Amino acid sequence: MRPTLILSLMLAGLASPALADCVEIGRGSGEILAEMTRAELNRDERLLVEERFGPDFAEAARLGIAADALFRFARCELNGTEPVELVAVGRSPAHCAGPAAFGDRGQPPVCGIWALSETPEGWVQVLETAGAARLSASTTNGWRDVVVERGGAPAVWKYGGAVYQEDLGDADPQAYALEDYGGYGQGPAAIDWFAFDDPMPEAIDAAFLWFYGVEIRGTEGRVGVLPDAFRVGAVDLDEDGAEEAVIQGLSPDFCGPEGCQHWVLEGLGRQDPPRISGRLLGFDLQAAATGGRGGRDLIASSAMGLIVYRNDGDGWALPSGDGN
C-alpha cells in the first residue's frame, strides 16, 4: 500500500523524490493517504510492523480477520533526511471509529495513525494519534508539523524532541517524561509483556491467576472469557525492586475504538491478595520516566493522542484537572 500524501510541496519548482514517493503532488490538501500493503514493505519494515503490531495481528488471526485488512502504510519524509519515516494508518473497525468505518460515506472515519522513524539505535515511534492527518508546511525542531482533524477544530502536532505532541495541559508527556518510554515494548525500563501461557515470573503468574479467578471468572457476565483474552506485563513502577503486574484485555470484550482495558496489580508475592491500583483505558500502555508519589507514570495512546495516568498515592488515574 503505497502511501500517497496529498501535499503540494515544491523545491526549486520540483518535488523532492522522497516527497514524491509519499505525496500526491498537485492536489494541495496534504492529507496522508496510506495505500501500501505489508507485501510492499521492505524486509526491515515488515519485521518492524510485525513486532510493533504483533498483538493486533494475533487477535486478527484469532478472529479470522485477514492481516492486511488492519493497516495500510506510507513512506513520508518528516524530518528532511534519509531514511524516510514509515506511517501506518488503521483500516479496520478495530482501529477506526465513526459512521464511515461501517459504510456511511457522509463523514470520514477516525482511524489510528502511527509514524515510526529509523535511528542508529533502531526504530522508534514518533507519532500516535487518530483522525485525518496532513503535513503542514511549517516545522518544529526540524520535523514537519502534522495537522490532525477529527470533525472539530484541527489540532497541530509538533515534534517535541522525542515524539509528536499536542497540548494536553499538565499531563503533557514532554520529552523528558519519555526517557524510558521509547514506544511499544522498548526502552530500558519498558513493560515486559507475556502471553497468558508464556513462562513468566512466579509472582506475576500468581497475580494473573488471582485476577482471572476473582476479577473475570468471579464477575457476572464474563464467565465465558478465556485466559487467552489477556496478556500480562511485568514492570517495577515504584522502583522498590519488586515488579507490579499490568494486565491488558485483548479481545473485543475489553477493547473498542477508545482503547483496551488495562489493570495494574501491586502488592505481589505477599500473603494478602494483590491490590488493583489502576483501571486504565487506551492502547499501547507504557511506563514513563516521570511519576507521582505512588510510582512511575503510565502513558497510553487514544484517539485524542497520548494520555498520562499518574499515581499520587491512591492508584493510577488521570491527573487532577485533566479534562480527558
C-alpha atoms as a PDB file:
ATOM      1  CA  MET A   1       0.000   0.000   0.000  1.00  0.00           C
ATOM      2  CA  ARG A   2       1.834   2.893  -1.301  1.00  0.00           C
ATOM      3  CA  PRO A   3       1.025   5.939   0.800  1.00  0.00           C
ATOM      4  CA  THR A   4       0.194   8.988  -1.168  1.00  0.00           C
ATOM      5  CA  LEU A   5       0.259  12.127   0.862  1.00  0.00           C
ATOM      6  CA  ILE A   6      -1.701  14.863  -0.606  1.00  0.00           C
ATOM      7  CA  LEU A   7       0.662  17.742  -0.400  1.00  0.00           C
ATOM      8  CA  SER A   8       1.813  20.448  -2.717  1.00  0.00           C
ATOM      9  CA  LEU A   9       5.463  20.907  -1.885  1.00  0.00           C
ATOM     10  CA  MET A  10       7.981  22.066  -4.427  1.00  0.00           C
ATOM     11  CA  LEU A  11      11.680  22.527  -4.193  1.00  0.00           C
ATOM     12  CA  ALA A  12      13.093  24.678  -6.983  1.00  0.00           C
ATOM     13  CA  GLY A  13       9.845  24.019  -8.794  1.00  0.00           C
ATOM     14  CA  LEU A  14      10.088  20.246  -8.380  1.00  0.00           C
ATOM     15  CA  ALA A  15       9.005  17.867  -5.627  1.00  0.00           C
ATOM     16  CA  SER A  16      11.810  16.079  -3.841  1.00  0.00           C
ATOM     17  CA  PRO A  17      11.994  12.349  -4.666  1.00  0.00           C
ATOM     18  CA  ALA A  18      11.112  11.369  -1.088  1.00  0.00           C
ATOM     19  CA  LEU A  19       8.053  13.596  -1.035  1.00  0.00           C
ATOM     20  CA  ALA A  20       7.002  12.461  -4.480  1.00  0.00           C
ATOM     21  CA  ASP A  21       7.096   8.942  -3.061  1.00  0.00           C
ATOM     22  CA  CYS A  22       4.781   9.969  -0.207  1.00  0.00           C
ATOM     23  CA  VAL A  23       2.695  12.773  -1.606  1.00  0.00           C
ATOM     24  CA  GLU A  24       0.128  13.124  -4.307  1.00  0.00           C
ATOM     25  CA  ILE A  25       1.543  16.248  -5.909  1.00  0.00           C
ATOM     26  CA  GLY A  26      -0.886  18.878  -7.134  1.00  0.00           C
ATOM     27  CA  ARG A  27      -3.968  18.176  -5.032  1.00  0.00           C
ATOM     28  CA  GLY A  28      -2.830  20.576  -2.350  1.00  0.00           C
ATOM     29  CA  SER A  29      -4.599  19.318   0.770  1.00  0.00           C
ATOM     30  CA  GLY A  30      -1.568  17.480   2.183  1.00  0.00           C
ATOM     31  CA  GLU A  31      -3.675  14.602   3.533  1.00  0.00           C
ATOM     32  CA  ILE A  32      -1.829  11.359   4.158  1.00  0.00           C
ATOM     33  CA  LEU A  33      -3.363   8.551   2.133  1.00  0.00           C
ATOM     34  CA  ALA A  34      -1.653   5.297   3.029  1.00  0.00           C
ATOM     35  CA  GLU A  35      -2.081   2.726   0.268  1.00  0.00           C
ATOM     36  CA  MET A  36       0.816   0.278   0.625  1.00  0.00           C
ATOM     37  CA  THR A  37       0.135  -3.232   1.868  1.00  0.00           C
ATOM     38  CA  ARG A  38       2.512  -5.227   4.058  1.00  0.00           C
ATOM     39  CA  ALA A  39       3.687  -7.115   0.976  1.00  0.00           C
ATOM     40  CA  GLU A  40       5.012  -3.852  -0.479  1.00  0.00           C
ATOM     41  CA  LEU A  41       7.162  -3.085   2.553  1.00  0.00           C
ATOM     42  CA  ASN A  42      10.833  -3.976   2.581  1.00  0.00           C
ATOM     43  CA  ARG A  43      12.138  -6.691   4.905  1.00  0.00           C
ATOM     44  CA  ASP A  44      13.114  -4.355   7.755  1.00  0.00           C
ATOM     45  CA  GLU A  45       9.792  -2.550   7.577  1.00  0.00           C
ATOM     46  CA  ARG A  46       7.849  -5.812   7.648  1.00  0.00           C
ATOM     47  CA  LEU A  47       9.773  -7.002  10.700  1.00  0.00           C
ATOM     48  CA  LEU A  48       9.108  -3.669  12.399  1.00  0.00           C
ATOM     49  CA  VAL A  49       5.402  -3.801  11.635  1.00  0.00           C
ATOM     50  CA  GLU A  50       5.095  -7.410  12.778  1.00  0.00           C
ATOM     51  CA  GLU A  51       6.772  -6.559  16.089  1.00  0.00           C
ATOM     52  CA  ARG A  52       5.039  -3.229  16.659  1.00  0.00           C
ATOM     53  CA  PHE A  53       1.565  -4.502  15.854  1.00  0.00           C
ATOM     54  CA  GLY A  54       2.067  -8.124  16.907  1.00  0.00           C
ATOM     55  CA  PRO A  55      -0.897  -8.210  19.329  1.00  0.00           C
ATOM     56  CA  ASP A  56      -3.160  -6.710  16.646  1.00  0.00           C
ATOM     57  CA  PHE A  57      -2.200  -9.364  14.105  1.00  0.00           C
ATOM     58  CA  ALA A  58      -2.529 -12.135  16.698  1.00  0.00           C
ATOM     59  CA  GLU A  59      -6.024 -11.024  17.650  1.00  0.00           C
ATOM     60  CA  ALA A  60      -6.998 -10.675  13.980  1.00  0.00           C
ATOM     61  CA  ALA A  61      -5.814 -14.241  13.306  1.00  0.00           C
ATOM     62  CA  ARG A  62      -7.788 -15.482  16.319  1.00  0.00           C
ATOM     63  CA  LEU A  63     -10.915 -13.820  14.944  1.00  0.00           C
ATOM     64  CA  GLY A  64     -10.300 -14.940  11.353  1.00  0.00           C
ATOM     65  CA  ILE A  65      -9.605 -11.420  10.056  1.00  0.00           C
ATOM     66  CA  ALA A  66      -7.067 -11.015   7.256  1.00  0.00           C
ATOM     67  CA  ALA A  67      -3.902  -9.268   8.484  1.00  0.00           C
ATOM     68  CA  ASP A  68      -3.889  -6.896   5.508  1.00  0.00           C
ATOM     69  CA  ALA A  69      -7.351  -5.665   6.490  1.00  0.00           C
ATOM     70  CA  LEU A  70      -5.891  -3.919   9.558  1.00  0.00           C
ATOM     71  CA  PHE A  71      -3.466  -1.315   8.172  1.00  0.00           C
ATOM     72  CA  ARG A  72      -2.139   0.492   5.134  1.00  0.00           C
ATOM     73  CA  PHE A  73       1.262   2.171   5.037  1.00  0.00           C
ATOM     74  CA  ALA A  74       3.099   5.168   3.597  1.00  0.00           C
ATOM     75  CA  ARG A  75       6.711   6.321   3.440  1.00  0.00           C
ATOM     76  CA  CYS A  76       6.919  10.002   4.339  1.00  0.00           C
ATOM     77  CA  GLU A  77       9.859  12.322   4.823  1.00  0.00           C
ATOM     78  CA  LEU A  78       9.086  14.090   8.082  1.00  0.00           C
ATOM     79  CA  ASN A  79      12.492  15.397   9.164  1.00  0.00           C
ATOM     80  CA  GLY A  80      14.122  16.244   5.847  1.00  0.00           C
ATOM     81  CA  THR A  81      16.705  13.456   5.978  1.00  0.00           C
ATOM     82  CA  GLU A  82      17.016   9.864   4.861  1.00  0.00           C
ATOM     83  CA  PRO A  83      15.737   7.342   5.660  1.00  0.00           C
ATOM     84  CA  VAL A  84      12.117   8.375   5.350  1.00  0.00           C
ATOM     85  CA  GLU A  85       9.618   7.600   8.103  1.00  0.00           C
ATOM     86  CA  LEU A  86       7.057   4.799   7.889  1.00  0.00           C
ATOM     87  CA  VAL A  87       3.437   5.807   8.512  1.00  0.00           C
ATOM     88  CA  ALA A  88       0.762   3.227   9.371  1.00  0.00           C
ATOM     89  CA  VAL A  89      -2.946   4.027   9.171  1.00  0.00           C
ATOM     90  CA  GLY A  90      -5.688   1.828  10.597  1.00  0.00           C
ATOM     91  CA  ARG A  91      -8.244   0.473   8.126  1.00  0.00           C
ATOM     92  CA  SER A  92     -10.490  -1.842  10.134  1.00  0.00           C
ATOM     93  CA  PRO A  93     -13.229  -1.206  12.752  1.00  0.00           C
ATOM     94  CA  ALA A  94     -10.644  -2.335  15.326  1.00  0.00           C
ATOM     95  CA  HIS A  95      -8.641   0.830  14.614  1.00  0.00           C
ATOM     96  CA  CYS A  96     -11.328   3.184  13.304  1.00  0.00           C
ATOM     97  CA  ALA A  97     -14.381   4.873  14.771  1.00  0.00           C
ATOM     98  CA  GLY A  98     -17.217   6.859  13.261  1.00  0.00           C
ATOM     99  CA  PRO A  99     -20.041   6.124  10.800  1.00  0.00           C
ATOM    100  CA  ALA A 100     -17.806   5.916   7.751  1.00  0.00           C
ATOM    101  CA  ALA A 101     -15.945   3.000   9.295  1.00  0.00           C
ATOM    102  CA  PHE A 102     -19.086   0.939   8.752  1.00  0.00           C
ATOM    103  CA  GLY A 103     -20.247   2.159   5.362  1.00  0.00           C
ATOM    104  CA  ASP A 104     -21.627   5.685   5.922  1.00  0.00           C
ATOM    105  CA  ARG A 105     -19.648   7.816   3.493  1.00  0.00           C
ATOM    106  CA  GLY A 106     -21.121  11.107   4.705  1.00  0.00           C
ATOM    107  CA  GLN A 107     -18.300  11.567   7.221  1.00  0.00           C
ATOM    108  CA  PRO A 108     -14.743  10.234   7.165  1.00  0.00           C
ATOM    109  CA  PRO A 109     -13.811   7.647   9.788  1.00  0.00           C
ATOM    110  CA  VAL A 110     -11.451   8.452  12.628  1.00  0.00           C
ATOM    111  CA  CYS A 111      -8.639   5.935  12.274  1.00  0.00           C
ATOM    112  CA  GLY A 112      -5.402   5.380  14.144  1.00  0.00           C
ATOM    113  CA  ILE A 113      -2.205   6.859  12.708  1.00  0.00           C
ATOM    114  CA  TRP A 114       1.328   5.855  13.690  1.00  0.00           C
ATOM    115  CA  ALA A 115       4.674   7.201  12.439  1.00  0.00           C
ATOM    116  CA  LEU A 116       7.891   5.253  13.022  1.00  0.00           C
ATOM    117  CA  SER A 117      11.381   6.569  12.439  1.00  0.00           C
ATOM    118  CA  GLU A 118      14.580   4.586  11.865  1.00  0.00           C
ATOM    119  CA  THR A 119      17.520   5.733  14.024  1.00  0.00           C
ATOM    120  CA  PRO A 120      21.044   4.329  14.568  1.00  0.00           C
ATOM    121  CA  GLU A 121      19.662   2.669  17.711  1.00  0.00           C
ATOM    122  CA  GLY A 122      16.717   1.111  15.835  1.00  0.00           C
ATOM    123  CA  TRP A 123      13.154   2.057  15.029  1.00  0.00           C
ATOM    124  CA  VAL A 124      11.246   4.377  17.379  1.00  0.00           C
ATOM    125  CA  GLN A 125       7.641   5.507  17.310  1.00  0.00           C
ATOM    126  CA  VAL A 126       7.372   9.288  16.960  1.00  0.00           C
ATOM    127  CA  LEU A 127       3.640   9.803  16.404  1.00  0.00           C
ATOM    128  CA  GLU A 128       0.477   8.096  17.563  1.00  0.00           C
ATOM    129  CA  THR A 129      -2.901   9.737  17.057  1.00  0.00           C
ATOM    130  CA  ALA A 130      -6.141   9.267  15.129  1.00  0.00           C
ATOM    131  CA  GLY A 131      -8.053  11.223  12.516  1.00  0.00           C
ATOM    132  CA  ALA A 132      -7.315  12.611   9.079  1.00  0.00           C
ATOM    133  CA  ALA A 133      -3.681  13.707   9.127  1.00  0.00           C
ATOM    134  CA  ARG A 134      -1.942  16.043   6.699  1.00  0.00           C
ATOM    135  CA  LEU A 135       1.524  17.518   6.533  1.00  0.00           C
ATOM    136  CA  SER A 136       1.921  21.197   7.295  1.00  0.00           C
ATOM    137  CA  ALA A 137       4.376  23.482   5.542  1.00  0.00           C
ATOM    138  CA  SER A 138       5.654  24.534   8.993  1.00  0.00           C
ATOM    139  CA  THR A 139       8.289  22.651  11.003  1.00  0.00           C
ATOM    140  CA  THR A 140       9.230  22.285  14.670  1.00  0.00           C
ATOM    141  CA  ASN A 141      12.684  21.101  15.737  1.00  0.00           C
ATOM    142  CA  GLY A 142      13.385  20.204  12.116  1.00  0.00           C
ATOM    143  CA  TRP A 143      10.324  17.974  11.725  1.00  0.00           C
ATOM    144  CA  ARG A 144       7.215  18.785   9.709  1.00  0.00           C
ATOM    145  CA  ASP A 145       4.178  19.680  11.769  1.00  0.00           C
ATOM    146  CA  VAL A 146       1.227  17.330  11.326  1.00  0.00           C
ATOM    147  CA  VAL A 147      -2.332  18.666  11.278  1.00  0.00           C
ATOM    148  CA  VAL A 148      -4.947  16.196  12.535  1.00  0.00           C
ATOM    149  CA  GLU A 149      -8.697  16.613  12.100  1.00  0.00           C
ATOM    150  CA  ARG A 150     -11.415  14.563  13.779  1.00  0.00           C
ATOM    151  CA  GLY A 151     -14.508  16.587  12.881  1.00  0.00           C
ATOM    152  CA  GLY A 152     -13.754  19.527  15.187  1.00  0.00           C
ATOM    153  CA  ALA A 153     -11.064  22.168  15.090  1.00  0.00           C
ATOM    154  CA  PRO A 154      -7.794  20.908  13.581  1.00  0.00           C
ATOM    155  CA  ALA A 155      -5.046  20.027  16.062  1.00  0.00           C
ATOM    156  CA  VAL A 156      -1.429  20.717  15.207  1.00  0.00           C
ATOM    157  CA  TRP A 157       1.013  18.068  16.375  1.00  0.00           C
ATOM    158  CA  LYS A 158       4.596  19.280  16.769  1.00  0.00           C
ATOM    159  CA  TYR A 159       7.789  17.321  17.291  1.00  0.00           C
ATOM    160  CA  GLY A 160       8.872  17.908  20.892  1.00  0.00           C
ATOM    161  CA  GLY A 161      12.308  16.309  20.704  1.00  0.00           C
ATOM    162  CA  ALA A 162      11.217  12.702  21.282  1.00  0.00           C
ATOM    163  CA  VAL A 163       7.695  12.356  19.884  1.00  0.00           C
ATOM    164  CA  TYR A 164       4.984  14.429  18.257  1.00  0.00           C
ATOM    165  CA  GLN A 165       2.781  16.088  20.886  1.00  0.00           C
ATOM    166  CA  GLU A 166      -0.237  18.312  21.220  1.00  0.00           C
ATOM    167  CA  ASP A 167      -1.102  20.338  24.300  1.00  0.00           C
ATOM    168  CA  LEU A 168      -2.522  18.030  26.978  1.00  0.00           C
ATOM    169  CA  GLY A 169      -2.199  20.534  29.820  1.00  0.00           C
ATOM    170  CA  ASP A 170      -0.369  19.421  32.967  1.00  0.00           C
ATOM    171  CA  ALA A 171      -0.316  15.820  31.745  1.00  0.00           C
ATOM    172  CA  ASP A 172       1.504  16.648  28.513  1.00  0.00           C
ATOM    173  CA  PRO A 173       4.191  13.937  28.098  1.00  0.00           C
ATOM    174  CA  GLN A 174       7.187  16.133  27.288  1.00  0.00           C
ATOM    175  CA  ALA A 175      10.373  14.570  26.014  1.00  0.00           C
ATOM    176  CA  TYR A 176      11.946  14.112  29.451  1.00  0.00           C
ATOM    177  CA  ALA A 177       8.907  12.103  30.575  1.00  0.00           C
ATOM    178  CA  LEU A 178       9.546   9.608  27.816  1.00  0.00           C
ATOM    179  CA  GLU A 179      13.191   8.786  28.535  1.00  0.00           C
ATOM    180  CA  ASP A 180      12.294   5.161  29.230  1.00  0.00           C
ATOM    181  CA  TYR A 181       9.125   5.120  27.151  1.00  0.00           C
ATOM    182  CA  GLY A 182      10.677   4.562  23.730  1.00  0.00           C
ATOM    183  CA  GLY A 183       7.460   3.422  22.088  1.00  0.00           C
ATOM    184  CA  TYR A 184       5.944  -0.017  22.042  1.00  0.00           C
ATOM    185  CA  GLY A 185       7.843  -2.614  24.078  1.00  0.00           C
ATOM    186  CA  GLN A 186      11.163  -0.762  24.009  1.00  0.00           C
ATOM    187  CA  GLY A 187      13.370   1.167  26.381  1.00  0.00           C
ATOM    188  CA  PRO A 188      15.478   0.065  29.334  1.00  0.00           C
ATOM    189  CA  ALA A 189      12.526   0.127  31.753  1.00  0.00           C
ATOM    190  CA  ALA A 190       9.725  -0.892  29.423  1.00  0.00           C
ATOM    191  CA  ILE A 191       6.910  -3.198  30.439  1.00  0.00           C
ATOM    192  CA  ASP A 192       7.930  -6.817  29.785  1.00  0.00           C
ATOM    193  CA  TRP A 193       4.879  -8.414  28.169  1.00  0.00           C
ATOM    194  CA  PHE A 194       3.903 -12.114  28.211  1.00  0.00           C
ATOM    195  CA  ALA A 195       1.113 -14.080  26.590  1.00  0.00           C
ATOM    196  CA  PHE A 196      -1.022 -15.717  29.289  1.00  0.00           C
ATOM    197  CA  ASP A 197       0.595 -19.131  28.661  1.00  0.00           C
ATOM    198  CA  ASP A 198       4.217 -17.911  28.454  1.00  0.00           C
ATOM    199  CA  PRO A 199       6.625 -18.668  31.292  1.00  0.00           C
ATOM    200  CA  MET A 200       6.667 -15.579  33.494  1.00  0.00           C
ATOM    201  CA  PRO A 201       7.938 -14.593  36.965  1.00  0.00           C
ATOM    202  CA  GLU A 202       6.209 -16.594  39.682  1.00  0.00           C
ATOM    203  CA  ALA A 203       4.716 -13.565  41.447  1.00  0.00           C
ATOM    204  CA  ILE A 204       3.370 -12.173  38.149  1.00  0.00           C
ATOM    205  CA  ASP A 205       1.865 -15.547  37.226  1.00  0.00           C
ATOM    206  CA  ALA A 206       0.185 -15.859  40.642  1.00  0.00           C
ATOM    207  CA  ALA A 207      -1.188 -12.314  40.351  1.00  0.00           C
ATOM    208  CA  PHE A 208      -2.690 -13.067  36.935  1.00  0.00           C
ATOM    209  CA  LEU A 209      -4.319 -16.279  38.170  1.00  0.00           C
ATOM    210  CA  TRP A 210      -5.806 -14.353  41.104  1.00  0.00           C
ATOM    211  CA  PHE A 211      -7.030 -11.601  38.770  1.00  0.00           C
ATOM    212  CA  TYR A 212      -8.553 -14.091  36.332  1.00  0.00           C
ATOM    213  CA  GLY A 213     -10.326 -16.032  39.073  1.00  0.00           C
ATOM    214  CA  VAL A 214     -11.648 -13.042  41.025  1.00  0.00           C
ATOM    215  CA  GLU A 215     -11.999 -10.180  38.556  1.00  0.00           C
ATOM    216  CA  ILE A 216     -13.043 -12.187  35.490  1.00  0.00           C
ATOM    217  CA  ARG A 217     -14.466 -15.600  36.395  1.00  0.00           C
ATOM    218  CA  GLY A 218     -15.996 -14.203  39.555  1.00  0.00           C
ATOM    219  CA  THR A 219     -17.748 -11.350  37.716  1.00  0.00           C
ATOM    220  CA  GLU A 220     -21.206 -11.804  36.296  1.00  0.00           C
ATOM    221  CA  GLY A 221     -21.263 -11.539  32.502  1.00  0.00           C
ATOM    222  CA  ARG A 222     -17.610 -12.508  31.986  1.00  0.00           C
ATOM    223  CA  VAL A 223     -17.723 -16.181  32.901  1.00  0.00           C
ATOM    224  CA  GLY A 224     -17.132 -17.245  29.280  1.00  0.00           C
ATOM    225  CA  VAL A 225     -13.978 -15.137  28.835  1.00  0.00           C
ATOM    226  CA  LEU A 226     -10.905 -17.370  28.421  1.00  0.00           C
ATOM    227  CA  PRO A 227      -7.425 -16.534  29.750  1.00  0.00           C
ATOM    228  CA  ASP A 228      -6.078 -16.099  26.208  1.00  0.00           C
ATOM    229  CA  ALA A 229      -8.097 -12.872  26.084  1.00  0.00           C
ATOM    230  CA  PHE A 230      -5.299 -11.210  28.081  1.00  0.00           C
ATOM    231  CA  ARG A 231      -1.615 -10.516  28.065  1.00  0.00           C
ATOM    232  CA  VAL A 232       0.389  -9.874  31.186  1.00  0.00           C
ATOM    233  CA  GLY A 233       3.122  -7.318  31.798  1.00  0.00           C
ATOM    234  CA  ALA A 234       5.806  -7.111  34.478  1.00  0.00           C
ATOM    235  CA  VAL A 235       7.375  -3.783  35.434  1.00  0.00           C
ATOM    236  CA  ASP A 236       8.777  -2.138  38.566  1.00  0.00           C
ATOM    237  CA  LEU A 237       6.691   1.028  38.764  1.00  0.00           C
ATOM    238  CA  ASP A 238       7.606   2.231  42.249  1.00  0.00           C
ATOM    239  CA  GLU A 239      11.288   1.259  41.895  1.00  0.00           C
ATOM    240  CA  ASP A 240      11.318  -0.774  45.103  1.00  0.00           C
ATOM    241  CA  GLY A 241      12.851  -3.812  43.411  1.00  0.00           C
ATOM    242  CA  ALA A 242       9.536  -5.731  43.221  1.00  0.00           C
ATOM    243  CA  GLU A 243       7.586  -5.825  39.991  1.00  0.00           C
ATOM    244  CA  GLU A 244       3.949  -4.861  39.542  1.00  0.00           C
ATOM    245  CA  ALA A 245       1.670  -6.723  37.134  1.00  0.00           C
ATOM    246  CA  VAL A 246      -0.079  -4.962  34.256  1.00  0.00           C
ATOM    247  CA  ILE A 247      -2.866  -6.928  32.579  1.00  0.00           C
ATOM    248  CA  GLN A 248      -4.300  -5.950  29.210  1.00  0.00           C
ATOM    249  CA  GLY A 249      -7.554  -7.216  27.754  1.00  0.00           C
ATOM    250  CA  LEU A 250      -7.047  -8.169  24.103  1.00  0.00           C
ATOM    251  CA  SER A 251     -10.429  -9.388  22.929  1.00  0.00           C
ATOM    252  CA  PRO A 252     -13.472  -7.364  21.812  1.00  0.00           C
ATOM    253  CA  ASP A 253     -14.850  -7.922  25.330  1.00  0.00           C
ATOM    254  CA  PHE A 254     -12.240  -5.444  26.556  1.00  0.00           C
ATOM    255  CA  CYS A 255     -11.276  -3.352  23.518  1.00  0.00           C
ATOM    256  CA  GLY A 256     -13.035  -0.710  21.471  1.00  0.00           C
ATOM    257  CA  PRO A 257     -12.179   2.359  19.365  1.00  0.00           C
ATOM    258  CA  GLU A 258     -11.234   4.242  22.529  1.00  0.00           C
ATOM    259  CA  GLY A 259      -8.704   1.624  23.607  1.00  0.00           C
ATOM    260  CA  CYS A 260      -8.333  -1.588  25.594  1.00  0.00           C
ATOM    261  CA  GLN A 261      -8.877  -2.048  29.307  1.00  0.00           C
ATOM    262  CA  HIS A 262      -5.781  -2.406  31.492  1.00  0.00           C
ATOM    263  CA  TRP A 263      -5.445  -3.297  35.165  1.00  0.00           C
ATOM    264  CA  VAL A 264      -2.451  -2.574  37.412  1.00  0.00           C
ATOM    265  CA  LEU A 265      -1.868  -5.006  40.294  1.00  0.00           C
ATOM    266  CA  GLU A 266       0.524  -4.242  43.145  1.00  0.00           C
ATOM    267  CA  GLY A 267       1.489  -5.934  46.385  1.00  0.00           C
ATOM    268  CA  LEU A 268       2.541  -9.152  44.643  1.00  0.00           C
ATOM    269  CA  GLY A 269       4.169 -12.077  46.440  1.00  0.00           C
ATOM    270  CA  ARG A 270       2.596 -11.292  49.820  1.00  0.00           C
ATOM    271  CA  GLN A 271       0.232 -13.297  51.945  1.00  0.00           C
ATOM    272  CA  ASP A 272      -2.623 -10.918  51.166  1.00  0.00           C
ATOM    273  CA  PRO A 273      -4.118 -10.881  47.644  1.00  0.00           C
ATOM    274  CA  PRO A 274      -2.802  -8.305  45.185  1.00  0.00           C
ATOM    275  CA  ARG A 275      -4.473  -4.902  45.030  1.00  0.00           C
ATOM    276  CA  ILE A 276      -5.905  -3.488  41.811  1.00  0.00           C
ATOM    277  CA  SER A 277      -4.437   0.011  41.880  1.00  0.00           C
ATOM    278  CA  GLY A 278      -5.344   1.142  38.384  1.00  0.00           C
ATOM    279  CA  ARG A 279      -8.039   0.613  35.768  1.00  0.00           C
ATOM    280  CA  LEU A 280      -6.839   2.304  32.606  1.00  0.00           C
ATOM    281  CA  LEU A 281      -8.152   2.650  29.067  1.00  0.00           C
ATOM    282  CA  GLY A 282      -6.094   3.127  25.925  1.00  0.00           C
ATOM    283  CA  PHE A 283      -3.690   1.473  23.520  1.00  0.00           C
ATOM    284  CA  ASP A 284      -0.019   0.542  23.876  1.00  0.00           C
ATOM    285  CA  LEU A 285       0.393   1.250  27.566  1.00  0.00           C
ATOM    286  CA  GLN A 286       3.970   2.060  28.557  1.00  0.00           C
ATOM    287  CA  ALA A 287       5.803   3.295  31.646  1.00  0.00           C
ATOM    288  CA  ALA A 288       7.416   6.744  31.658  1.00  0.00           C
ATOM    289  CA  ALA A 289      10.426   8.137  33.484  1.00  0.00           C
ATOM    290  CA  THR A 290       8.314  10.685  35.385  1.00  0.00           C
ATOM    291  CA  GLY A 291       5.872   9.828  38.147  1.00  0.00           C
ATOM    292  CA  GLY A 292       3.859  10.768  41.203  1.00  0.00           C
ATOM    293  CA  ARG A 293       4.183   9.679  44.805  1.00  0.00           C
ATOM    294  CA  GLY A 294       2.862   6.185  44.045  1.00  0.00           C
ATOM    295  CA  GLY A 295       5.133   5.304  41.131  1.00  0.00           C
ATOM    296  CA  ARG A 296       6.022   5.976  37.519  1.00  0.00           C
ATOM    297  CA  ASP A 297       3.502   7.495  35.140  1.00  0.00           C
ATOM    298  CA  LEU A 298       1.796   5.179  32.664  1.00  0.00           C
ATOM    299  CA  ILE A 299       1.237   6.550  29.158  1.00  0.00           C
ATOM    300  CA  ALA A 300      -1.385   5.179  26.795  1.00  0.00           C
ATOM    301  CA  SER A 301      -2.442   6.279  23.338  1.00  0.00           C
ATOM    302  CA  SER A 302      -6.003   7.132  22.421  1.00  0.00           C
ATOM    303  CA  ALA A 303      -7.947   8.788  19.636  1.00  0.00           C
ATOM    304  CA  MET A 304      -7.050  12.102  21.279  1.00  0.00           C
ATOM    305  CA  GLY A 305      -3.324  11.394  21.460  1.00  0.00           C
ATOM    306  CA  LEU A 306      -1.161  10.323  24.384  1.00  0.00           C
ATOM    307  CA  ILE A 307      -2.801  10.104  27.823  1.00  0.00           C
ATOM    308  CA  VAL A 308      -0.826  10.202  31.066  1.00  0.00           C
ATOM    309  CA  TYR A 309      -2.035   8.220  34.099  1.00  0.00           C
ATOM    310  CA  ARG A 310      -0.382   9.250  37.376  1.00  0.00           C
ATOM    311  CA  ASN A 311      -0.296   7.631  40.814  1.00  0.00           C
ATOM    312  CA  ASP A 312      -0.292  10.243  43.579  1.00  0.00           C
ATOM    313  CA  GLY A 313      -0.619   7.628  46.309  1.00  0.00           C
ATOM    314  CA  ASP A 314      -4.091   6.163  45.771  1.00  0.00           C
ATOM    315  CA  GLY A 315      -3.639   4.457  42.406  1.00  0.00           C
ATOM    316  CA  TRP A 316      -3.175   5.299  38.737  1.00  0.00           C
ATOM    317  CA  ALA A 317      -5.694   7.784  37.330  1.00  0.00           C
ATOM    318  CA  LEU A 318      -5.827  10.832  35.083  1.00  0.00           C
ATOM    319  CA  PRO A 319      -4.097  13.750  36.834  1.00  0.00           C
ATOM    320  CA  SER A 320      -6.398  16.139  38.647  1.00  0.00           C
ATOM    321  CA  GLY A 321      -7.643  18.827  36.321  1.00  0.00           C
ATOM    322  CA  ASP A 322      -7.099  16.802  33.150  1.00  0.00           C
ATOM    323  CA  GLY A 323     -10.244  17.098  31.085  1.00  0.00           C
ATOM    324  CA  ASN A 324      -9.803  13.842  29.178  1.00  0.00           C
END
